[in-house]
Amino acid sequence: MVRIFGGYVGKYVTVSVKIPAKLKEELEKYGIKPSILLKKAIEEELRNREIKRIKEEIERIKPTLAKLQIEEIVRLIREDREGR
């Protein structure tokens, strides 16, 4: 599945969830569509997991980044820009 601008394009699959009848009644009472609610919850969880993974990766490479000098980074950026 390919994610494009907050939506998905491509093949879809069905995921079913069993919930207590009382819970289903409450959803209906408030006009909540379970499919929309579940899609949002799944997307939010995936977003949170991706953020966590990125933060862990940043922590892993922090020691390497700390060794870089700002002047060196600026020089490399300038060289790259001039090379275009």
Protein backbone atom coordinates (compact mmCIF):
# COMPACT_ATOMS: atom_id res chain seq x y z
CA MET A 1 0.00 0.00 0.00
CA VAL A 2 1.33 3.44 -0.92
CA ARG A 3 0.54 6.42 1.27
CA ILE A 4 -0.03 9.69 -0.58
CA PHE A 5 -0.91 12.95 1.20
CA GLY A 6 -2.69 11.34 4.14
CA GLY A 7 -4.57 8.80 2.05
CA TYR A 8 -3.75 5.42 0.61
CA VAL A 9 -3.70 4.27 -2.97
CA GLY A 10 -3.71 0.64 -3.96
CA LYS A 11 -4.97 -2.65 -2.70
CA TYR A 12 -7.17 -2.73 0.37
CA VAL A 13 -7.78 -5.59 2.78
CA THR A 14 -10.57 -6.17 5.24
CA VAL A 15 -9.78 -6.25 8.94
CA SER A 16 -12.52 -7.36 11.27
CA VAL A 17 -12.78 -6.72 14.98
CA LYS A 18 -15.16 -8.28 17.47
CA ILE A 19 -16.47 -5.91 20.11
CA PRO A 20 -19.09 -6.33 22.82
CA ALA A 21 -22.66 -5.67 21.65
CA LYS A 22 -23.01 -2.89 24.25
CA LEU A 23 -20.03 -1.10 22.73
CA LYS A 24 -21.56 -1.37 19.25
CA GLU A 25 -24.81 0.09 20.61
CA GLU A 26 -22.92 3.03 22.08
CA LEU A 27 -21.19 3.66 18.75
CA GLU A 28 -24.55 3.69 16.99
CA LYS A 29 -26.05 5.92 19.68
CA TYR A 30 -23.46 8.60 18.93
CA GLY A 31 -23.41 8.03 15.18
CA ILE A 32 -19.81 6.86 15.20
CA LYS A 33 -18.74 4.79 12.21
CA PRO A 34 -16.40 2.08 13.50
CA SER A 35 -14.48 1.81 10.22
CA ILE A 36 -13.54 5.50 10.23
CA LEU A 37 -12.65 5.42 13.91
CA LEU A 38 -10.49 2.32 13.49
CA LYS A 39 -8.70 3.70 10.42
CA LYS A 40 -7.83 6.88 12.34
CA ALA A 41 -6.65 4.90 15.37
CA ILE A 42 -4.46 2.64 13.22
CA GLU A 43 -2.95 5.60 11.35
CA GLU A 44 -2.25 7.41 14.63
CA GLU A 45 -0.58 4.34 16.14
CA LEU A 46 1.59 3.88 13.04
CA ARG A 47 2.54 7.57 13.12
CA ASN A 48 3.50 7.27 16.81
CA ARG A 49 5.59 4.16 16.14
CA GLU A 50 7.40 5.88 13.25
CA ILE A 51 8.14 8.92 15.43
CA LYS A 52 9.48 6.62 18.15
CA ARG A 53 11.68 4.77 15.61
CA ILE A 54 13.08 8.06 14.28
CA LYS A 55 13.80 9.34 17.80
CA GLU A 56 15.63 6.11 18.61
CA GLU A 57 17.67 6.44 15.42
CA ILE A 58 18.58 10.03 16.30
CA GLU A 59 19.72 8.90 19.76
CA ARG A 60 21.82 6.18 18.13
CA ILE A 61 23.64 8.60 15.83
CA LYS A 62 23.93 11.50 18.31
CA PRO A 63 27.52 10.63 19.31
CA THR A 64 28.58 10.78 15.67
CA LEU A 65 26.74 14.03 15.06
CA ALA A 66 28.30 15.57 18.17
CA LYS A 67 31.75 15.10 16.65
CA LEU A 68 30.90 17.25 13.63
CA GLN A 69 32.01 20.85 13.68
CA ILE A 70 29.52 23.51 12.55
CA GLU A 71 32.15 25.12 10.37
CA GLU A 72 32.71 21.82 8.56
CA ILE A 73 29.00 21.37 7.96
CA VAL A 74 28.68 24.92 6.59
CA ARG A 75 31.67 24.33 4.31
CA LEU A 76 30.19 21.10 2.96
CA ILE A 77 26.82 22.75 2.30
CA ARG A 78 28.49 25.63 0.47
CA GLU A 79 30.55 23.21 -1.64
CA ASP A 80 27.42 21.28 -2.50
CA ARG A 81 25.52 24.43 -3.49
CA GLU A 82 28.37 25.74 -5.61
CA GLY A 83 28.65 22.37 -7.34
CA ARG A 84 25.09 22.58 -8.69
